[in-house]
Amino acid sequence: MSNITANTTRDCIIQTANQLFLEKGYQNVTVIDICEACNISKTTFYYHLKSKEDIILHFYDSVTHNISRYLMSILEKDNYWDQLLICFESLVKEASKFGSDFLSQMMISNLKEDYGSYDFRDELTDIAVMIIKKGQAAGQIRNKNKASDLYKASAYMFLGYEVTWCIKKEKFEWLKEINTALENIYDVAPELRK
Protein backbone atom coordinates (compact mmCIF):
# COMPACT_ATOMS: atom_id res chain seq x y z
CA MET A 1 0.00 0.00 0.00
CA SER A 2 2.98 2.31 0.37
CA ASN A 3 2.81 3.49 -3.25
CA ILE A 4 -0.92 4.27 -3.11
CA THR A 5 -2.03 7.88 -2.72
CA ALA A 6 -3.25 9.23 0.62
CA ASN A 7 -6.88 9.46 -0.53
CA THR A 8 -6.82 5.93 -1.84
CA THR A 9 -5.31 4.64 1.41
CA ARG A 10 -7.94 6.48 3.44
CA ASP A 11 -10.71 5.17 1.18
CA CYS A 12 -9.31 1.65 1.47
CA ILE A 13 -9.25 1.88 5.27
CA ILE A 14 -12.85 3.14 5.36
CA GLN A 15 -14.06 0.53 2.89
CA THR A 16 -12.31 -2.30 4.74
CA ALA A 17 -13.56 -1.07 8.11
CA ASN A 18 -17.13 -0.85 6.82
CA GLN A 19 -16.87 -4.43 5.57
CA LEU A 20 -15.62 -5.52 9.00
CA PHE A 21 -18.46 -3.59 10.66
CA LEU A 22 -20.92 -5.46 8.44
CA GLU A 23 -19.39 -8.83 9.29
CA LYS A 24 -18.74 -8.40 13.03
CA GLY A 25 -20.67 -5.32 14.17
CA TYR A 26 -19.17 -1.94 15.00
CA GLN A 27 -18.48 -2.65 18.67
CA ASN A 28 -16.65 -5.90 17.85
CA VAL A 29 -14.11 -4.34 15.49
CA THR A 30 -10.93 -2.71 16.79
CA VAL A 31 -8.45 -0.40 15.12
CA ILE A 32 -6.00 -3.31 15.21
CA ASP A 33 -8.51 -5.48 13.30
CA ILE A 34 -8.83 -2.76 10.67
CA CYS A 35 -5.04 -2.35 10.41
CA GLU A 36 -4.51 -6.10 10.03
CA ALA A 37 -7.21 -6.36 7.36
CA CYS A 38 -5.65 -3.43 5.45
CA ASN A 39 -2.09 -4.64 6.04
CA ILE A 40 -1.10 -1.27 7.50
CA SER A 41 0.40 -0.07 10.78
CA LYS A 42 -1.52 1.81 13.46
CA THR A 43 0.62 4.83 12.59
CA THR A 44 -0.69 4.70 9.01
CA PHE A 45 -4.24 4.35 10.29
CA TYR A 46 -3.91 7.39 12.56
CA TYR A 47 -2.22 9.39 9.83
CA HIS A 48 -5.40 9.09 7.74
CA LEU A 49 -8.09 9.00 10.43
CA LYS A 50 -8.46 10.31 13.97
CA SER A 51 -10.22 7.23 15.31
CA LYS A 52 -12.48 4.29 14.50
CA GLU A 53 -15.35 6.66 15.17
CA ASP A 54 -14.08 8.93 12.39
CA ILE A 55 -14.95 6.20 9.87
CA ILE A 56 -18.66 6.21 10.63
CA LEU A 57 -19.08 9.96 10.59
CA HIS A 58 -19.19 10.11 6.80
CA PHE A 59 -21.31 7.00 6.35
CA TYR A 60 -24.19 8.78 4.60
CA ASP A 61 -21.85 10.51 2.12
CA SER A 62 -21.10 7.29 0.25
CA VAL A 63 -24.60 5.88 0.72
CA THR A 64 -26.32 8.94 -0.75
CA HIS A 65 -23.79 9.15 -3.57
CA ASN A 66 -24.48 5.52 -4.55
CA ILE A 67 -28.24 6.00 -4.32
CA SER A 68 -28.02 9.17 -6.43
CA ARG A 69 -26.11 7.32 -9.14
CA TYR A 70 -28.72 4.55 -9.13
CA LEU A 71 -31.62 7.05 -9.24
CA MET A 72 -30.18 8.76 -12.27
CA SER A 73 -30.64 5.47 -14.14
CA ILE A 74 -34.38 5.20 -13.33
CA LEU A 75 -35.47 8.80 -13.81
CA GLU A 76 -37.01 8.00 -17.18
CA LYS A 77 -39.83 6.04 -15.57
CA ASP A 78 -43.23 7.71 -15.24
CA ASN A 79 -44.03 6.54 -11.73
CA TYR A 80 -42.48 9.35 -9.72
CA TRP A 81 -43.85 8.01 -6.45
CA ASP A 82 -41.91 4.75 -6.93
CA GLN A 83 -38.77 6.76 -7.70
CA LEU A 84 -39.15 8.70 -4.44
CA LEU A 85 -39.80 5.51 -2.48
CA ILE A 86 -36.62 4.04 -3.92
CA CYS A 87 -34.68 6.98 -2.42
CA PHE A 88 -35.92 6.28 1.09
CA GLU A 89 -36.07 2.48 0.85
CA SER A 90 -32.48 2.41 -0.39
CA LEU A 91 -31.36 4.54 2.56
CA VAL A 92 -33.14 2.22 5.00
CA LYS A 93 -31.71 -0.92 3.40
CA GLU A 94 -28.14 0.42 3.28
CA ALA A 95 -28.23 1.81 6.81
CA SER A 96 -29.86 -1.26 8.36
CA LYS A 97 -27.15 -3.53 6.92
CA PHE A 98 -24.74 -1.99 9.41
CA GLY A 99 -27.00 -2.57 12.39
CA SER A 100 -28.25 -0.44 15.23
CA ASP A 101 -24.96 -0.37 17.15
CA PHE A 102 -23.21 1.27 14.18
CA LEU A 103 -25.97 3.85 13.63
CA SER A 104 -26.27 4.48 17.38
CA GLN A 105 -22.55 5.20 17.58
CA MET A 106 -22.85 7.62 14.66
CA MET A 107 -25.68 9.41 16.46
CA ILE A 108 -23.76 9.55 19.74
CA SER A 109 -20.73 11.01 17.98
CA ASN A 110 -22.87 13.69 16.34
CA LEU A 111 -24.59 14.51 19.62
CA LYS A 112 -21.17 15.22 21.15
CA GLU A 113 -20.18 17.37 18.18
CA ASP A 114 -22.02 18.05 14.93
CA TYR A 115 -19.87 16.34 12.31
CA GLY A 116 -22.46 16.90 9.60
CA SER A 117 -23.35 13.23 9.26
CA TYR A 118 -27.03 14.14 9.14
CA ASP A 119 -26.73 17.23 6.94
CA PHE A 120 -28.63 17.23 3.68
CA ARG A 121 -26.57 16.00 0.74
CA ASP A 122 -27.14 18.29 -2.26
CA GLU A 123 -26.79 15.47 -4.76
CA LEU A 124 -29.65 13.42 -3.29
CA THR A 125 -31.74 16.45 -2.27
CA ASP A 126 -31.72 17.88 -5.80
CA ILE A 127 -32.81 14.57 -7.31
CA ALA A 128 -35.54 14.01 -4.69
CA VAL A 129 -36.94 17.54 -5.07
CA MET A 130 -37.04 17.12 -8.85
CA ILE A 131 -38.92 13.81 -8.46
CA ILE A 132 -41.38 15.41 -6.02
CA LYS A 133 -42.10 18.27 -8.44
CA LYS A 134 -42.72 15.81 -11.29
CA GLY A 135 -44.94 13.70 -9.01
CA GLN A 136 -46.96 16.78 -8.06
CA ALA A 137 -47.36 17.78 -11.72
CA ALA A 138 -48.50 14.24 -12.61
CA GLY A 139 -51.03 14.14 -9.73
CA GLN A 140 -49.25 11.22 -8.04
CA ILE A 141 -48.23 13.45 -5.11
CA ARG A 142 -51.28 15.45 -4.10
CA ASN A 143 -49.64 17.56 -1.39
CA LYS A 144 -48.93 20.81 -3.26
CA ASN A 145 -46.64 22.35 -0.65
CA LYS A 146 -43.18 23.38 -1.80
CA ALA A 147 -41.25 20.28 -2.92
CA SER A 148 -38.14 21.20 -0.93
CA ASP A 149 -40.23 21.60 2.26
CA LEU A 150 -41.86 18.20 1.70
CA TYR A 151 -38.45 16.61 1.24
CA LYS A 152 -37.14 18.22 4.44
CA ALA A 153 -40.18 16.98 6.38
CA SER A 154 -39.71 13.46 5.09
CA ALA A 155 -35.94 13.51 5.75
CA TYR A 156 -36.49 14.52 9.38
CA MET A 157 -39.20 11.87 9.69
CA PHE A 158 -36.65 9.37 8.37
CA LEU A 159 -34.18 10.40 11.07
CA GLY A 160 -36.85 10.01 13.75
CA TYR A 161 -37.61 6.48 12.62
CA GLU A 162 -33.89 5.71 12.42
CA VAL A 163 -33.52 6.74 16.06
CA THR A 164 -36.55 4.62 17.01
CA TRP A 165 -35.09 1.61 15.15
CA CYS A 166 -31.86 2.01 17.12
CA ILE A 167 -33.62 2.45 20.47
CA LYS A 168 -35.75 -0.65 19.80
CA LYS A 169 -32.57 -2.61 18.89
CA GLU A 170 -33.87 -3.31 15.37
CA LYS A 171 -37.21 -4.64 16.63
CA PHE A 172 -39.14 -2.02 14.69
CA GLU A 173 -40.47 -2.21 11.15
CA TRP A 174 -38.51 0.80 9.91
CA LEU A 175 -39.25 0.30 6.21
CA LYS A 176 -42.98 -0.26 6.71
CA GLU A 177 -43.30 2.77 8.97
CA ILE A 178 -41.31 4.94 6.54
CA ASN A 179 -43.61 3.97 3.65
CA THR A 180 -46.77 4.72 5.64
CA ALA A 181 -45.43 8.07 6.83
CA LEU A 182 -44.31 9.05 3.33
CA GLU A 183 -47.74 8.22 1.89
CA ASN A 184 -49.26 10.58 4.44
CA ILE A 185 -46.71 13.40 4.15
CA TYR A 186 -47.01 13.46 0.36
CA ASP A 187 -50.74 12.62 0.22
CA VAL A 188 -50.13 9.98 -2.42
CA ALA A 189 -52.92 9.07 -4.83
CA PRO A 190 -54.80 6.02 -3.44
CA GLU A 191 -53.96 3.78 -6.40
CA LEU A 192 -50.23 4.21 -5.67
CA ARG A 193 -50.41 3.30 -1.99
CA LYS A 194 -49.05 -0.07 -0.95
C-alpha atoms as a PDB file:
ATOM      1  CA  MET A   1       0.000   0.000   0.000  1.00  0.00           C
ATOM      2  CA  SER A   2       2.982   2.306   0.368  1.00  0.00           C
ATOM      3  CA  ASN A   3       2.806   3.494  -3.245  1.00  0.00           C
ATOM      4  CA  ILE A   4      -0.922   4.266  -3.109  1.00  0.00           C
ATOM      5  CA  THR A   5      -2.027   7.884  -2.718  1.00  0.00           C
ATOM      6  CA  ALA A   6      -3.251   9.230   0.623  1.00  0.00           C
ATOM      7  CA  ASN A   7      -6.877   9.463  -0.526  1.00  0.00           C
ATOM      8  CA  THR A   8      -6.822   5.928  -1.837  1.00  0.00           C
ATOM      9  CA  THR A   9      -5.308   4.644   1.408  1.00  0.00           C
ATOM     10  CA  ARG A  10      -7.938   6.485   3.444  1.00  0.00           C
ATOM     11  CA  ASP A  11     -10.712   5.174   1.185  1.00  0.00           C
ATOM     12  CA  CYS A  12      -9.308   1.655   1.469  1.00  0.00           C
ATOM     13  CA  ILE A  13      -9.253   1.885   5.271  1.00  0.00           C
ATOM     14  CA  ILE A  14     -12.852   3.142   5.357  1.00  0.00           C
ATOM     15  CA  GLN A  15     -14.061   0.527   2.886  1.00  0.00           C
ATOM     16  CA  THR A  16     -12.309  -2.296   4.738  1.00  0.00           C
ATOM     17  CA  ALA A  17     -13.559  -1.071   8.112  1.00  0.00           C
ATOM     18  CA  ASN A  18     -17.128  -0.853   6.822  1.00  0.00           C
ATOM     19  CA  GLN A  19     -16.867  -4.428   5.572  1.00  0.00           C
ATOM     20  CA  LEU A  20     -15.624  -5.522   8.995  1.00  0.00           C
ATOM     21  CA  PHE A  21     -18.458  -3.594  10.662  1.00  0.00           C
ATOM     22  CA  LEU A  22     -20.923  -5.461   8.442  1.00  0.00           C
ATOM     23  CA  GLU A  23     -19.386  -8.831   9.294  1.00  0.00           C
ATOM     24  CA  LYS A  24     -18.737  -8.396  13.032  1.00  0.00           C
ATOM     25  CA  GLY A  25     -20.667  -5.319  14.173  1.00  0.00           C
ATOM     26  CA  TYR A  26     -19.171  -1.937  15.001  1.00  0.00           C
ATOM     27  CA  GLN A  27     -18.484  -2.650  18.673  1.00  0.00           C
ATOM     28  CA  ASN A  28     -16.646  -5.895  17.853  1.00  0.00           C
ATOM     29  CA  VAL A  29     -14.106  -4.337  15.488  1.00  0.00           C
ATOM     30  CA  THR A  30     -10.930  -2.712  16.789  1.00  0.00           C
ATOM     31  CA  VAL A  31      -8.449  -0.400  15.115  1.00  0.00           C
ATOM     32  CA  ILE A  32      -5.996  -3.312  15.206  1.00  0.00           C
ATOM     33  CA  ASP A  33      -8.512  -5.483  13.305  1.00  0.00           C
ATOM     34  CA  ILE A  34      -8.825  -2.765  10.669  1.00  0.00           C
ATOM     35  CA  CYS A  35      -5.045  -2.354  10.409  1.00  0.00           C
ATOM     36  CA  GLU A  36      -4.512  -6.098  10.026  1.00  0.00           C
ATOM     37  CA  ALA A  37      -7.208  -6.363   7.356  1.00  0.00           C
ATOM     38  CA  CYS A  38      -5.650  -3.431   5.451  1.00  0.00           C
ATOM     39  CA  ASN A  39      -2.093  -4.641   6.040  1.00  0.00           C
ATOM     40  CA  ILE A  40      -1.101  -1.274   7.496  1.00  0.00           C
ATOM     41  CA  SER A  41       0.400  -0.070  10.777  1.00  0.00           C
ATOM     42  CA  LYS A  42      -1.519   1.806  13.456  1.00  0.00           C
ATOM     43  CA  THR A  43       0.621   4.827  12.586  1.00  0.00           C
ATOM     44  CA  THR A  44      -0.690   4.700   9.008  1.00  0.00           C
ATOM     45  CA  PHE A  45      -4.244   4.346  10.290  1.00  0.00           C
ATOM     46  CA  TYR A  46      -3.910   7.385  12.557  1.00  0.00           C
ATOM     47  CA  TYR A  47      -2.217   9.386   9.830  1.00  0.00           C
ATOM     48  CA  HIS A  48      -5.397   9.091   7.738  1.00  0.00           C
ATOM     49  CA  LEU A  49      -8.091   9.003  10.432  1.00  0.00           C
ATOM     50  CA  LYS A  50      -8.457  10.311  13.974  1.00  0.00           C
ATOM     51  CA  SER A  51     -10.218   7.226  15.308  1.00  0.00           C
ATOM     52  CA  LYS A  52     -12.477   4.294  14.499  1.00  0.00           C
ATOM     53  CA  GLU A  53     -15.352   6.656  15.172  1.00  0.00           C
ATOM     54  CA  ASP A  54     -14.081   8.932  12.387  1.00  0.00           C
ATOM     55  CA  ILE A  55     -14.954   6.200   9.871  1.00  0.00           C
ATOM     56  CA  ILE A  56     -18.665   6.211  10.633  1.00  0.00           C
ATOM     57  CA  LEU A  57     -19.085   9.964  10.590  1.00  0.00           C
ATOM     58  CA  HIS A  58     -19.192  10.111   6.801  1.00  0.00           C
ATOM     59  CA  PHE A  59     -21.311   7.004   6.345  1.00  0.00           C
ATOM     60  CA  TYR A  60     -24.194   8.783   4.599  1.00  0.00           C
ATOM     61  CA  ASP A  61     -21.848  10.508   2.123  1.00  0.00           C
ATOM     62  CA  SER A  62     -21.103   7.295   0.254  1.00  0.00           C
ATOM     63  CA  VAL A  63     -24.601   5.881   0.724  1.00  0.00           C
ATOM     64  CA  THR A  64     -26.323   8.937  -0.750  1.00  0.00           C
ATOM     65  CA  HIS A  65     -23.789   9.152  -3.571  1.00  0.00           C
ATOM     66  CA  ASN A  66     -24.475   5.519  -4.547  1.00  0.00           C
ATOM     67  CA  ILE A  67     -28.244   5.999  -4.320  1.00  0.00           C
ATOM     68  CA  SER A  68     -28.024   9.168  -6.429  1.00  0.00           C
ATOM     69  CA  ARG A  69     -26.107   7.324  -9.142  1.00  0.00           C
ATOM     70  CA  TYR A  70     -28.725   4.551  -9.135  1.00  0.00           C
ATOM     71  CA  LEU A  71     -31.618   7.045  -9.237  1.00  0.00           C
ATOM     72  CA  MET A  72     -30.180   8.763 -12.275  1.00  0.00           C
ATOM     73  CA  SER A  73     -30.643   5.467 -14.137  1.00  0.00           C
ATOM     74  CA  ILE A  74     -34.381   5.204 -13.334  1.00  0.00           C
ATOM     75  CA  LEU A  75     -35.470   8.804 -13.812  1.00  0.00           C
ATOM     76  CA  GLU A  76     -37.005   8.002 -17.184  1.00  0.00           C
ATOM     77  CA  LYS A  77     -39.832   6.035 -15.575  1.00  0.00           C
ATOM     78  CA  ASP A  78     -43.234   7.710 -15.242  1.00  0.00           C
ATOM     79  CA  ASN A  79     -44.030   6.542 -11.728  1.00  0.00           C
ATOM     80  CA  TYR A  80     -42.477   9.354  -9.716  1.00  0.00           C
ATOM     81  CA  TRP A  81     -43.846   8.006  -6.451  1.00  0.00           C
ATOM     82  CA  ASP A  82     -41.912   4.753  -6.933  1.00  0.00           C
ATOM     83  CA  GLN A  83     -38.774   6.758  -7.695  1.00  0.00           C
ATOM     84  CA  LEU A  84     -39.150   8.701  -4.442  1.00  0.00           C
ATOM     85  CA  LEU A  85     -39.800   5.512  -2.481  1.00  0.00           C
ATOM     86  CA  ILE A  86     -36.618   4.036  -3.918  1.00  0.00           C
ATOM     87  CA  CYS A  87     -34.685   6.979  -2.420  1.00  0.00           C
ATOM     88  CA  PHE A  88     -35.916   6.276   1.088  1.00  0.00           C
ATOM     89  CA  GLU A  89     -36.075   2.484   0.847  1.00  0.00           C
ATOM     90  CA  SER A  90     -32.479   2.411  -0.388  1.00  0.00           C
ATOM     91  CA  LEU A  91     -31.364   4.539   2.555  1.00  0.00           C
ATOM     92  CA  VAL A  92     -33.139   2.220   5.003  1.00  0.00           C
ATOM     93  CA  LYS A  93     -31.711  -0.925   3.405  1.00  0.00           C
ATOM     94  CA  GLU A  94     -28.143   0.415   3.280  1.00  0.00           C
ATOM     95  CA  ALA A  95     -28.227   1.812   6.809  1.00  0.00           C
ATOM     96  CA  SER A  96     -29.856  -1.258   8.359  1.00  0.00           C
ATOM     97  CA  LYS A  97     -27.149  -3.533   6.918  1.00  0.00           C
ATOM     98  CA  PHE A  98     -24.735  -1.987   9.406  1.00  0.00           C
ATOM     99  CA  GLY A  99     -27.000  -2.569  12.395  1.00  0.00           C
ATOM    100  CA  SER A 100     -28.254  -0.440  15.234  1.00  0.00           C
ATOM    101  CA  ASP A 101     -24.961  -0.366  17.154  1.00  0.00           C
ATOM    102  CA  PHE A 102     -23.214   1.273  14.178  1.00  0.00           C
ATOM    103  CA  LEU A 103     -25.969   3.849  13.631  1.00  0.00           C
ATOM    104  CA  SER A 104     -26.270   4.482  17.380  1.00  0.00           C
ATOM    105  CA  GLN A 105     -22.550   5.204  17.584  1.00  0.00           C
ATOM    106  CA  MET A 106     -22.851   7.615  14.660  1.00  0.00           C
ATOM    107  CA  MET A 107     -25.684   9.413  16.462  1.00  0.00           C
ATOM    108  CA  ILE A 108     -23.761   9.545  19.745  1.00  0.00           C
ATOM    109  CA  SER A 109     -20.733  11.011  17.982  1.00  0.00           C
ATOM    110  CA  ASN A 110     -22.871  13.688  16.336  1.00  0.00           C
ATOM    111  CA  LEU A 111     -24.593  14.512  19.623  1.00  0.00           C
ATOM    112  CA  LYS A 112     -21.170  15.220  21.149  1.00  0.00           C
ATOM    113  CA  GLU A 113     -20.181  17.373  18.178  1.00  0.00           C
ATOM    114  CA  ASP A 114     -22.016  18.045  14.927  1.00  0.00           C
ATOM    115  CA  TYR A 115     -19.867  16.340  12.306  1.00  0.00           C
ATOM    116  CA  GLY A 116     -22.459  16.903   9.598  1.00  0.00           C
ATOM    117  CA  SER A 117     -23.352  13.234   9.260  1.00  0.00           C
ATOM    118  CA  TYR A 118     -27.032  14.144   9.144  1.00  0.00           C
ATOM    119  CA  ASP A 119     -26.734  17.225   6.942  1.00  0.00           C
ATOM    120  CA  PHE A 120     -28.633  17.230   3.682  1.00  0.00           C
ATOM    121  CA  ARG A 121     -26.573  15.998   0.737  1.00  0.00           C
ATOM    122  CA  ASP A 122     -27.136  18.290  -2.256  1.00  0.00           C
ATOM    123  CA  GLU A 123     -26.790  15.466  -4.762  1.00  0.00           C
ATOM    124  CA  LEU A 124     -29.652  13.423  -3.288  1.00  0.00           C
ATOM    125  CA  THR A 125     -31.735  16.449  -2.274  1.00  0.00           C
ATOM    126  CA  ASP A 126     -31.718  17.876  -5.796  1.00  0.00           C
ATOM    127  CA  ILE A 127     -32.815  14.568  -7.309  1.00  0.00           C
ATOM    128  CA  ALA A 128     -35.543  14.006  -4.694  1.00  0.00           C
ATOM    129  CA  VAL A 129     -36.943  17.542  -5.067  1.00  0.00           C
ATOM    130  CA  MET A 130     -37.037  17.125  -8.853  1.00  0.00           C
ATOM    131  CA  ILE A 131     -38.918  13.812  -8.464  1.00  0.00           C
ATOM    132  CA  ILE A 132     -41.384  15.412  -6.020  1.00  0.00           C
ATOM    133  CA  LYS A 133     -42.105  18.271  -8.444  1.00  0.00           C
ATOM    134  CA  LYS A 134     -42.725  15.809 -11.288  1.00  0.00           C
ATOM    135  CA  GLY A 135     -44.935  13.698  -9.005  1.00  0.00           C
ATOM    136  CA  GLN A 136     -46.960  16.776  -8.057  1.00  0.00           C
ATOM    137  CA  ALA A 137     -47.362  17.782 -11.719  1.00  0.00           C
ATOM    138  CA  ALA A 138     -48.497  14.244 -12.607  1.00  0.00           C
ATOM    139  CA  GLY A 139     -51.026  14.139  -9.732  1.00  0.00           C
ATOM    140  CA  GLN A 140     -49.247  11.225  -8.035  1.00  0.00           C
ATOM    141  CA  ILE A 141     -48.225  13.452  -5.113  1.00  0.00           C
ATOM    142  CA  ARG A 142     -51.279  15.450  -4.100  1.00  0.00           C
ATOM    143  CA  ASN A 143     -49.639  17.565  -1.387  1.00  0.00           C
ATOM    144  CA  LYS A 144     -48.928  20.808  -3.258  1.00  0.00           C
ATOM    145  CA  ASN A 145     -46.640  22.351  -0.653  1.00  0.00           C
ATOM    146  CA  LYS A 146     -43.176  23.383  -1.795  1.00  0.00           C
ATOM    147  CA  ALA A 147     -41.249  20.284  -2.922  1.00  0.00           C
ATOM    148  CA  SER A 148     -38.140  21.201  -0.927  1.00  0.00           C
ATOM    149  CA  ASP A 149     -40.233  21.597   2.255  1.00  0.00           C
ATOM    150  CA  LEU A 150     -41.863  18.202   1.704  1.00  0.00           C
ATOM    151  CA  TYR A 151     -38.450  16.612   1.237  1.00  0.00           C
ATOM    152  CA  LYS A 152     -37.135  18.222   4.445  1.00  0.00           C
ATOM    153  CA  ALA A 153     -40.175  16.985   6.384  1.00  0.00           C
ATOM    154  CA  SER A 154     -39.710  13.456   5.090  1.00  0.00           C
ATOM    155  CA  ALA A 155     -35.944  13.510   5.753  1.00  0.00           C
ATOM    156  CA  TYR A 156     -36.494  14.518   9.377  1.00  0.00           C
ATOM    157  CA  MET A 157     -39.203  11.867   9.692  1.00  0.00           C
ATOM    158  CA  PHE A 158     -36.647   9.369   8.367  1.00  0.00           C
ATOM    159  CA  LEU A 159     -34.182  10.401  11.072  1.00  0.00           C
ATOM    160  CA  GLY A 160     -36.847  10.007  13.754  1.00  0.00           C
ATOM    161  CA  TYR A 161     -37.615   6.475  12.622  1.00  0.00           C
ATOM    162  CA  GLU A 162     -33.894   5.710  12.416  1.00  0.00           C
ATOM    163  CA  VAL A 163     -33.518   6.741  16.062  1.00  0.00           C
ATOM    164  CA  THR A 164     -36.548   4.622  17.005  1.00  0.00           C
ATOM    165  CA  TRP A 165     -35.092   1.612  15.145  1.00  0.00           C
ATOM    166  CA  CYS A 166     -31.856   2.006  17.118  1.00  0.00           C
ATOM    167  CA  ILE A 167     -33.619   2.447  20.468  1.00  0.00           C
ATOM    168  CA  LYS A 168     -35.750  -0.649  19.798  1.00  0.00           C
ATOM    169  CA  LYS A 169     -32.568  -2.612  18.885  1.00  0.00           C
ATOM    170  CA  GLU A 170     -33.868  -3.310  15.372  1.00  0.00           C
ATOM    171  CA  LYS A 171     -37.214  -4.639  16.631  1.00  0.00           C
ATOM    172  CA  PHE A 172     -39.139  -2.016  14.691  1.00  0.00           C
ATOM    173  CA  GLU A 173     -40.473  -2.209  11.146  1.00  0.00           C
ATOM    174  CA  TRP A 174     -38.514   0.796   9.906  1.00  0.00           C
ATOM    175  CA  LEU A 175     -39.248   0.301   6.210  1.00  0.00           C
ATOM    176  CA  LYS A 176     -42.978  -0.263   6.706  1.00  0.00           C
ATOM    177  CA  GLU A 177     -43.296   2.775   8.973  1.00  0.00           C
ATOM    178  CA  ILE A 178     -41.314   4.942   6.537  1.00  0.00           C
ATOM    179  CA  ASN A 179     -43.614   3.971   3.653  1.00  0.00           C
ATOM    180  CA  THR A 180     -46.768   4.724   5.642  1.00  0.00           C
ATOM    181  CA  ALA A 181     -45.428   8.072   6.832  1.00  0.00           C
ATOM    182  CA  LEU A 182     -44.306   9.055   3.326  1.00  0.00           C
ATOM    183  CA  GLU A 183     -47.735   8.224   1.888  1.00  0.00           C
ATOM    184  CA  ASN A 184     -49.259  10.576   4.444  1.00  0.00           C
ATOM    185  CA  ILE A 185     -46.714  13.397   4.148  1.00  0.00           C
ATOM    186  CA  TYR A 186     -47.013  13.461   0.357  1.00  0.00           C
ATOM    187  CA  ASP A 187     -50.745  12.623   0.220  1.00  0.00           C
ATOM    188  CA  VAL A 188     -50.135   9.985  -2.421  1.00  0.00           C
ATOM    189  CA  ALA A 189     -52.916   9.068  -4.826  1.00  0.00           C
ATOM    190  CA  PRO A 190     -54.799   6.020  -3.444  1.00  0.00           C
ATOM    191  CA  GLU A 191     -53.963   3.778  -6.405  1.00  0.00           C
ATOM    192  CA  LEU A 192     -50.232   4.209  -5.674  1.00  0.00           C
ATOM    193  CA  ARG A 193     -50.408   3.303  -1.986  1.00  0.00           C
ATOM    194  CA  LYS A 194     -49.053  -0.074  -0.952  1.00  0.00           C
END
